[in-house]
Amino acid sequence: MEQDEAVKRMLLRKFLTKPALERLGRVRLANPVLASQLETYLVQAYASGQIKQVTDEELKKILELLTKKRETKIRRV
């Protein structure tokens, strides 16, 4: 388990820019569950070739997608 985390962190350092890596660290401090989801998403996208390099702006957009809440509408009949 610890080895998996080390490999994941090494991969993230490989394709995240320094500002994006710093943002990920801040997200990890504020919301560890969201950070874990984000890391998993990023590693899978990198492994499948969908992303090559992730900037801070791109990371913000991905975070917005992951945290987007569904809008609930209540209709009265």
PDB file of N, CA and C in Angstrom:
ATOM      1  N   MET A   1       0.832  -1.189   0.000  1.00  0.00           N
ATOM      2  CA  MET A   1       0.000   0.000   0.000  1.00  0.00           C
ATOM      3  C   MET A   1       0.880   1.259   0.000  1.00  0.00           C
ATOM      4  N   GLU A   2       1.876   1.265   0.869  1.00  0.00           N
ATOM      5  CA  GLU A   2       2.781   2.405   0.941  1.00  0.00           C
ATOM      6  C   GLU A   2       3.584   2.538  -0.348  1.00  0.00           C
ATOM      7  N   GLN A   3       3.942   1.409  -0.929  1.00  0.00           N
ATOM      8  CA  GLN A   3       4.702   1.424  -2.174  1.00  0.00           C
ATOM      9  C   GLN A   3       3.843   1.984  -3.310  1.00  0.00           C
ATOM     10  N   ASP A   4       2.553   1.641  -3.317  1.00  0.00           N
ATOM     11  CA  ASP A   4       1.639   2.174  -4.324  1.00  0.00           C
ATOM     12  C   ASP A   4       1.552   3.697  -4.228  1.00  0.00           C
ATOM     13  N   GLU A   5       1.474   4.208  -3.002  1.00  0.00           N
ATOM     14  CA  GLU A   5       1.416   5.653  -2.792  1.00  0.00           C
ATOM     15  C   GLU A   5       2.698   6.319  -3.293  1.00  0.00           C
ATOM     16  N   ALA A   6       3.825   5.692  -3.047  1.00  0.00           N
ATOM     17  CA  ALA A   6       5.106   6.252  -3.486  1.00  0.00           C
ATOM     18  C   ALA A   6       5.175   6.305  -5.013  1.00  0.00           C
ATOM     19  N   VAL A   7       4.698   5.261  -5.661  1.00  0.00           N
ATOM     20  CA  VAL A   7       4.691   5.224  -7.128  1.00  0.00           C
ATOM     21  C   VAL A   7       3.747   6.300  -7.673  1.00  0.00           C
ATOM     22  N   LYS A   8       2.570   6.437  -7.034  1.00  0.00           N
ATOM     23  CA  LYS A   8       1.604   7.446  -7.470  1.00  0.00           C
ATOM     24  C   LYS A   8       2.182   8.847  -7.331  1.00  0.00           C
ATOM     25  N   ARG A   9       2.837   9.124  -6.218  1.00  0.00           N
ATOM     26  CA  ARG A   9       3.434  10.445  -5.996  1.00  0.00           C
ATOM     27  C   ARG A   9       4.565  10.721  -7.013  1.00  0.00           C
ATOM     28  N   MET A  10       5.346   9.693  -7.321  1.00  0.00           N
ATOM     29  CA  MET A  10       6.418   9.849  -8.294  1.00  0.00           C
ATOM     30  C   MET A  10       5.838  10.188  -9.675  1.00  0.00           C
ATOM     31  N   LEU A  11       4.778   9.489 -10.064  1.00  0.00           N
ATOM     32  CA  LEU A  11       4.125   9.763 -11.338  1.00  0.00           C
ATOM     33  C   LEU A  11       3.554  11.173 -11.376  1.00  0.00           C
ATOM     34  N   LEU A  12       2.921  11.587 -10.279  1.00  0.00           N
ATOM     35  CA  LEU A  12       2.329  12.922 -10.234  1.00  0.00           C
ATOM     36  C   LEU A  12       3.401  13.992 -10.389  1.00  0.00           C
ATOM     37  N   ARG A  13       4.540  13.798  -9.744  1.00  0.00           N
ATOM     38  CA  ARG A  13       5.645  14.756  -9.875  1.00  0.00           C
ATOM     39  C   ARG A  13       6.167  14.818 -11.312  1.00  0.00           C
ATOM     40  N   LYS A  14       5.986  13.730 -12.033  1.00  0.00           N
ATOM     41  CA  LYS A  14       6.496  13.645 -13.400  1.00  0.00           C
ATOM     42  C   LYS A  14       5.693  14.520 -14.370  1.00  0.00           C
ATOM     43  N   PHE A  15       4.361  14.561 -14.214  1.00  0.00           N
ATOM     44  CA  PHE A  15       3.554  15.267 -15.206  1.00  0.00           C
ATOM     45  C   PHE A  15       2.794  16.484 -14.684  1.00  0.00           C
ATOM     46  N   LEU A  16       2.884  16.794 -13.403  1.00  0.00           N
ATOM     47  CA  LEU A  16       2.280  18.021 -12.876  1.00  0.00           C
ATOM     48  C   LEU A  16       3.322  19.124 -12.847  1.00  0.00           C
ATOM     49  N   THR A  17       2.928  20.329 -13.224  1.00  0.00           N
ATOM     50  CA  THR A  17       3.836  21.459 -13.088  1.00  0.00           C
ATOM     51  C   THR A  17       3.981  21.786 -11.608  1.00  0.00           C
ATOM     52  N   LYS A  18       4.996  22.557 -11.265  1.00  0.00           N
ATOM     53  CA  LYS A  18       5.235  22.880  -9.855  1.00  0.00           C
ATOM     54  C   LYS A  18       4.029  23.569  -9.199  1.00  0.00           C
ATOM     55  N   PRO A  19       3.416  24.585  -9.841  1.00  0.00           N
ATOM     56  CA  PRO A  19       2.230  25.199  -9.219  1.00  0.00           C
ATOM     57  C   PRO A  19       1.070  24.212  -9.060  1.00  0.00           C
ATOM     58  N   ALA A  20       0.886  23.310 -10.020  1.00  0.00           N
ATOM     59  CA  ALA A  20      -0.184  22.315  -9.925  1.00  0.00           C
ATOM     60  C   ALA A  20       0.095  21.340  -8.785  1.00  0.00           C
ATOM     61  N   LEU A  21       1.341  20.970  -8.616  1.00  0.00           N
ATOM     62  CA  LEU A  21       1.718  20.070  -7.526  1.00  0.00           C
ATOM     63  C   LEU A  21       1.494  20.737  -6.170  1.00  0.00           C
ATOM     64  N   GLU A  22       1.786  22.031  -6.091  1.00  0.00           N
ATOM     65  CA  GLU A  22       1.548  22.772  -4.852  1.00  0.00           C
ATOM     66  C   GLU A  22       0.054  22.855  -4.553  1.00  0.00           C
ATOM     67  N   ARG A  23      -0.756  23.090  -5.588  1.00  0.00           N
ATOM     68  CA  ARG A  23      -2.209  23.142  -5.390  1.00  0.00           C
ATOM     69  C   ARG A  23      -2.728  21.792  -4.904  1.00  0.00           C
ATOM     70  N   LEU A  24      -2.229  20.725  -5.477  1.00  0.00           N
ATOM     71  CA  LEU A  24      -2.644  19.385  -5.054  1.00  0.00           C
ATOM     72  C   LEU A  24      -2.303  19.172  -3.577  1.00  0.00           C
ATOM     73  N   GLY A  25      -1.152  19.663  -3.150  1.00  0.00           N
ATOM     74  CA  GLY A  25      -0.778  19.558  -1.743  1.00  0.00           C
ATOM     75  C   GLY A  25      -1.733  20.314  -0.839  1.00  0.00           C
ATOM     76  N   ARG A  26      -2.167  21.496  -1.285  1.00  0.00           N
ATOM     77  CA  ARG A  26      -3.124  22.280  -0.490  1.00  0.00           C
ATOM     78  C   ARG A  26      -4.480  21.590  -0.447  1.00  0.00           C
ATOM     79  N   VAL A  27      -4.890  21.001  -1.559  1.00  0.00           N
ATOM     80  CA  VAL A  27      -6.154  20.258  -1.584  1.00  0.00           C
ATOM     81  C   VAL A  27      -6.063  19.066  -0.638  1.00  0.00           C
ATOM     82  N   ARG A  28      -4.911  18.400  -0.625  1.00  0.00           N
ATOM     83  CA  ARG A  28      -4.709  17.238   0.253  1.00  0.00           C
ATOM     84  C   ARG A  28      -4.862  17.625   1.719  1.00  0.00           C
ATOM     85  N   LEU A  29      -4.369  18.823   2.084  1.00  0.00           N
ATOM     86  CA  LEU A  29      -4.504  19.294   3.464  1.00  0.00           C
ATOM     87  C   LEU A  29      -5.954  19.616   3.801  1.00  0.00           C
ATOM     88  N   ALA A  30      -6.661  20.245   2.871  1.00  0.00           N
ATOM     89  CA  ALA A  30      -8.030  20.688   3.124  1.00  0.00           C
ATOM     90  C   ALA A  30      -9.049  19.560   3.011  1.00  0.00           C
ATOM     91  N   ASN A  31      -8.860  18.680   2.035  1.00  0.00           N
ATOM     92  CA  ASN A  31      -9.839  17.625   1.783  1.00  0.00           C
ATOM     93  C   ASN A  31      -9.121  16.374   1.261  1.00  0.00           C
ATOM     94  N   PRO A  32      -8.662  15.518   2.167  1.00  0.00           N
ATOM     95  CA  PRO A  32      -7.894  14.332   1.754  1.00  0.00           C
ATOM     96  C   PRO A  32      -8.665  13.385   0.821  1.00  0.00           C
ATOM     97  N   VAL A  33      -9.974  13.287   0.993  1.00  0.00           N
ATOM     98  CA  VAL A  33     -10.772  12.387   0.157  1.00  0.00           C
ATOM     99  C   VAL A  33     -10.797  12.904  -1.284  1.00  0.00           C
ATOM    100  N   LEU A  34     -11.033  14.197  -1.444  1.00  0.00           N
ATOM    101  CA  LEU A  34     -11.033  14.799  -2.777  1.00  0.00           C
ATOM    102  C   LEU A  34      -9.655  14.677  -3.424  1.00  0.00           C
ATOM    103  N   ALA A  35      -8.603  14.887  -2.641  1.00  0.00           N
ATOM    104  CA  ALA A  35      -7.241  14.772  -3.167  1.00  0.00           C
ATOM    105  C   ALA A  35      -6.971  13.358  -3.663  1.00  0.00           C
ATOM    106  N   SER A  36      -7.438  12.377  -2.930  1.00  0.00           N
ATOM    107  CA  SER A  36      -7.244  10.986  -3.336  1.00  0.00           C
ATOM    108  C   SER A  36      -7.984  10.703  -4.644  1.00  0.00           C
ATOM    109  N   GLN A  37      -9.217  11.201  -4.765  1.00  0.00           N
ATOM    110  CA  GLN A  37      -9.979  11.033  -6.008  1.00  0.00           C
ATOM    111  C   GLN A  37      -9.271  11.711  -7.172  1.00  0.00           C
ATOM    112  N   LEU A  38      -8.773  12.906  -6.933  1.00  0.00           N
ATOM    113  CA  LEU A  38      -8.078  13.668  -7.959  1.00  0.00           C
ATOM    114  C   LEU A  38      -6.807  12.950  -8.403  1.00  0.00           C
ATOM    115  N   GLU A  39      -6.043  12.451  -7.447  1.00  0.00           N
ATOM    116  CA  GLU A  39      -4.805  11.734  -7.781  1.00  0.00           C
ATOM    117  C   GLU A  39      -5.108  10.501  -8.616  1.00  0.00           C
ATOM    118  N   THR A  40      -6.121   9.752  -8.223  1.00  0.00           N
ATOM    119  CA  THR A  40      -6.496   8.550  -8.962  1.00  0.00           C
ATOM    120  C   THR A  40      -6.915   8.911 -10.383  1.00  0.00           C
ATOM    121  N   TYR A  41      -7.720   9.953 -10.528  1.00  0.00           N
ATOM    122  CA  TYR A  41      -8.159  10.401 -11.844  1.00  0.00           C
ATOM    123  C   TYR A  41      -6.965  10.801 -12.706  1.00  0.00           C
ATOM    124  N   LEU A  42      -6.054  11.579 -12.138  1.00  0.00           N
ATOM    125  CA  LEU A  42      -4.900  12.055 -12.894  1.00  0.00           C
ATOM    126  C   LEU A  42      -3.995  10.912 -13.339  1.00  0.00           C
ATOM    127  N   VAL A  43      -3.729   9.979 -12.441  1.00  0.00           N
ATOM    128  CA  VAL A  43      -2.853   8.850 -12.781  1.00  0.00           C
ATOM    129  C   VAL A  43      -3.489   7.995 -13.879  1.00  0.00           C
ATOM    130  N   GLN A  44      -4.801   7.756 -13.784  1.00  0.00           N
ATOM    131  CA  GLN A  44      -5.473   6.961 -14.809  1.00  0.00           C
ATOM    132  C   GLN A  44      -5.457   7.672 -16.161  1.00  0.00           C
ATOM    133  N   ALA A  45      -5.698   8.988 -16.143  1.00  0.00           N
ATOM    134  CA  ALA A  45      -5.695   9.757 -17.389  1.00  0.00           C
ATOM    135  C   ALA A  45      -4.299   9.766 -18.003  1.00  0.00           C
ATOM    136  N   TYR A  46      -3.282   9.876 -17.175  1.00  0.00           N
ATOM    137  CA  TYR A  46      -1.903   9.859 -17.678  1.00  0.00           C
ATOM    138  C   TYR A  46      -1.559   8.485 -18.247  1.00  0.00           C
ATOM    139  N   ALA A  47      -1.952   7.440 -17.541  1.00  0.00           N
ATOM    140  CA  ALA A  47      -1.635   6.081 -17.982  1.00  0.00           C
ATOM    141  C   ALA A  47      -2.329   5.755 -19.311  1.00  0.00           C
ATOM    142  N   SER A  48      -3.525   6.318 -19.523  1.00  0.00           N
ATOM    143  CA  SER A  48      -4.242   6.030 -20.765  1.00  0.00           C
ATOM    144  C   SER A  48      -3.847   6.976 -21.899  1.00  0.00           C
ATOM    145  N   GLY A  49      -2.953   7.920 -21.605  1.00  0.00           N
ATOM    146  CA  GLY A  49      -2.460   8.816 -22.638  1.00  0.00           C
ATOM    147  C   GLY A  49      -3.344  10.029 -22.894  1.00  0.00           C
ATOM    148  N   GLN A  50      -4.335  10.266 -22.049  1.00  0.00           N
ATOM    149  CA  GLN A  50      -5.233  11.401 -22.233  1.00  0.00           C
ATOM    150  C   GLN A  50      -4.557  12.725 -21.890  1.00  0.00           C
ATOM    151  N   ILE A  51      -3.604  12.689 -20.981  1.00  0.00           N
ATOM    152  CA  ILE A  51      -2.900  13.910 -20.597  1.00  0.00           C
ATOM    153  C   ILE A  51      -1.399  13.675 -20.666  1.00  0.00           C
ATOM    154  N   LYS A  52      -0.676  14.742 -20.930  1.00  0.00           N
ATOM    155  CA  LYS A  52       0.783  14.669 -20.975  1.00  0.00           C
ATOM    156  C   LYS A  52       1.389  15.512 -19.850  1.00  0.00           C
ATOM    157  N   GLN A  53       0.966  16.765 -19.763  1.00  0.00           N
ATOM    158  CA  GLN A  53       1.452  17.695 -18.753  1.00  0.00           C
ATOM    159  C   GLN A  53       0.243  18.448 -18.213  1.00  0.00           C
ATOM    160  N   VAL A  54       0.141  18.612 -16.891  1.00  0.00           N
ATOM    161  CA  VAL A  54      -0.998  19.290 -16.292  1.00  0.00           C
ATOM    162  C   VAL A  54      -0.517  20.571 -15.622  1.00  0.00           C
ATOM    163  N   THR A  55      -1.079  21.690 -16.068  1.00  0.00           N
ATOM    164  CA  THR A  55      -0.754  22.981 -15.470  1.00  0.00           C
ATOM    165  C   THR A  55      -1.726  23.264 -14.329  1.00  0.00           C
ATOM    166  N   ASP A  56      -1.462  24.344 -13.605  1.00  0.00           N
ATOM    167  CA  ASP A  56      -2.322  24.731 -12.497  1.00  0.00           C
ATOM    168  C   ASP A  56      -3.736  25.042 -12.993  1.00  0.00           C
ATOM    169  N   GLU A  57      -3.848  25.731 -14.125  1.00  0.00           N
ATOM    170  CA  GLU A  57      -5.161  26.071 -14.680  1.00  0.00           C
ATOM    171  C   GLU A  57      -5.947  24.810 -15.050  1.00  0.00           C
ATOM    172  N   GLU A  58      -5.284  23.846 -15.659  1.00  0.00           N
ATOM    173  CA  GLU A  58      -5.948  22.593 -16.020  1.00  0.00           C
ATOM    174  C   GLU A  58      -6.379  21.834 -14.773  1.00  0.00           C
ATOM    175  N   LEU A  59      -5.554  21.875 -13.742  1.00  0.00           N
ATOM    176  CA  LEU A  59      -5.894  21.198 -12.488  1.00  0.00           C
ATOM    177  C   LEU A  59      -7.128  21.840 -11.862  1.00  0.00           C
ATOM    178  N   LYS A  60      -7.238  23.166 -11.935  1.00  0.00           N
ATOM    179  CA  LYS A  60      -8.424  23.861 -11.424  1.00  0.00           C
ATOM    180  C   LYS A  60      -9.681  23.380 -12.144  1.00  0.00           C
ATOM    181  N   LYS A  61      -9.592  23.242 -13.467  1.00  0.00           N
ATOM    182  CA  LYS A  61     -10.748  22.787 -14.242  1.00  0.00           C
ATOM    183  C   LYS A  61     -11.149  21.361 -13.860  1.00  0.00           C
ATOM    184  N   ILE A  62     -10.164  20.510 -13.667  1.00  0.00           N
ATOM    185  CA  ILE A  62     -10.444  19.122 -13.267  1.00  0.00           C
ATOM    186  C   ILE A  62     -11.087  19.104 -11.881  1.00  0.00           C
ATOM    187  N   LEU A  63     -10.596  19.940 -10.979  1.00  0.00           N
ATOM    188  CA  LEU A  63     -11.181  20.032  -9.643  1.00  0.00           C
ATOM    189  C   LEU A  63     -12.639  20.485  -9.716  1.00  0.00           C
ATOM    190  N   GLU A  64     -12.921  21.445 -10.583  1.00  0.00           N
ATOM    191  CA  GLU A  64     -14.302  21.904 -10.745  1.00  0.00           C
ATOM    192  C   GLU A  64     -15.196  20.768 -11.216  1.00  0.00           C
ATOM    193  N   LEU A  65     -14.701  19.964 -12.146  1.00  0.00           N
ATOM    194  CA  LEU A  65     -15.493  18.839 -12.641  1.00  0.00           C
ATOM    195  C   LEU A  65     -15.766  17.819 -11.535  1.00  0.00           C
ATOM    196  N   LEU A  66     -14.762  17.564 -10.711  1.00  0.00           N
ATOM    197  CA  LEU A  66     -14.921  16.569  -9.649  1.00  0.00           C
ATOM    198  C   LEU A  66     -15.818  17.063  -8.515  1.00  0.00           C
ATOM    199  N   THR A  67     -15.852  18.374  -8.304  1.00  0.00           N
ATOM    200  CA  THR A  67     -16.626  18.902  -7.176  1.00  0.00           C
ATOM    201  C   THR A  67     -17.976  19.473  -7.596  1.00  0.00           C
ATOM    202  N   LYS A  68     -18.273  19.412  -8.891  1.00  0.00           N
ATOM    203  CA  LYS A  68     -19.547  19.956  -9.377  1.00  0.00           C
ATOM    204  C   LYS A  68     -20.698  19.201  -8.713  1.00  0.00           C
ATOM    205  N   LYS A  69     -21.566  19.958  -8.102  1.00  0.00           N
ATOM    206  CA  LYS A  69     -22.709  19.335  -7.435  1.00  0.00           C
ATOM    207  C   LYS A  69     -23.905  19.358  -8.367  1.00  0.00           C
ATOM    208  N   ARG A  70     -24.702  18.347  -8.232  1.00  0.00           N
ATOM    209  CA  ARG A  70     -25.889  18.270  -9.071  1.00  0.00           C
ATOM    210  C   ARG A  70     -26.932  19.237  -8.555  1.00  0.00           C
ATOM    211  N   GLU A  71     -27.582  19.903  -9.478  1.00  0.00           N
ATOM    212  CA  GLU A  71     -28.629  20.847  -9.108  1.00  0.00           C
ATOM    213  C   GLU A  71     -29.923  20.081  -8.911  1.00  0.00           C
ATOM    214  N   THR A  72     -30.559  20.341  -7.792  1.00  0.00           N
ATOM    215  CA  THR A  72     -31.807  19.648  -7.479  1.00  0.00           C
ATOM    216  C   THR A  72     -32.959  20.624  -7.650  1.00  0.00           C
ATOM    217  N   LYS A  73     -33.949  20.224  -8.397  1.00  0.00           N
ATOM    218  CA  LYS A  73     -35.130  21.038  -8.608  1.00  0.00           C
ATOM    219  C   LYS A  73     -36.323  20.343  -7.972  1.00  0.00           C
ATOM    220  N   ILE A  74     -37.084  21.113  -7.256  1.00  0.00           N
ATOM    221  CA  ILE A  74     -38.281  20.590  -6.614  1.00  0.00           C
ATOM    222  C   ILE A  74     -39.481  21.209  -7.310  1.00  0.00           C
ATOM    223  N   ARG A  75     -40.339  20.356  -7.812  1.00  0.00           N
ATOM    224  CA  ARG A  75     -41.552  20.849  -8.485  1.00  0.00           C
ATOM    225  C   ARG A  75     -42.754  20.482  -7.655  1.00  0.00           C
ATOM    226  N   ARG A  76     -43.649  21.422  -7.553  1.00  0.00           N
ATOM    227  CA  ARG A  76     -44.912  21.144  -6.860  1.00  0.00           C
ATOM    228  C   ARG A  76     -45.946  20.765  -7.885  1.00  0.00           C
ATOM    229  N   VAL A  77     -46.719  19.804  -7.520  1.00  0.00           N
ATOM    230  CA  VAL A  77     -47.745  19.320  -8.456  1.00  0.00           C
ATOM    231  C   VAL A  77     -49.098  19.824  -8.046  1.00  0.00           C
TER     232      VAL A  77
END
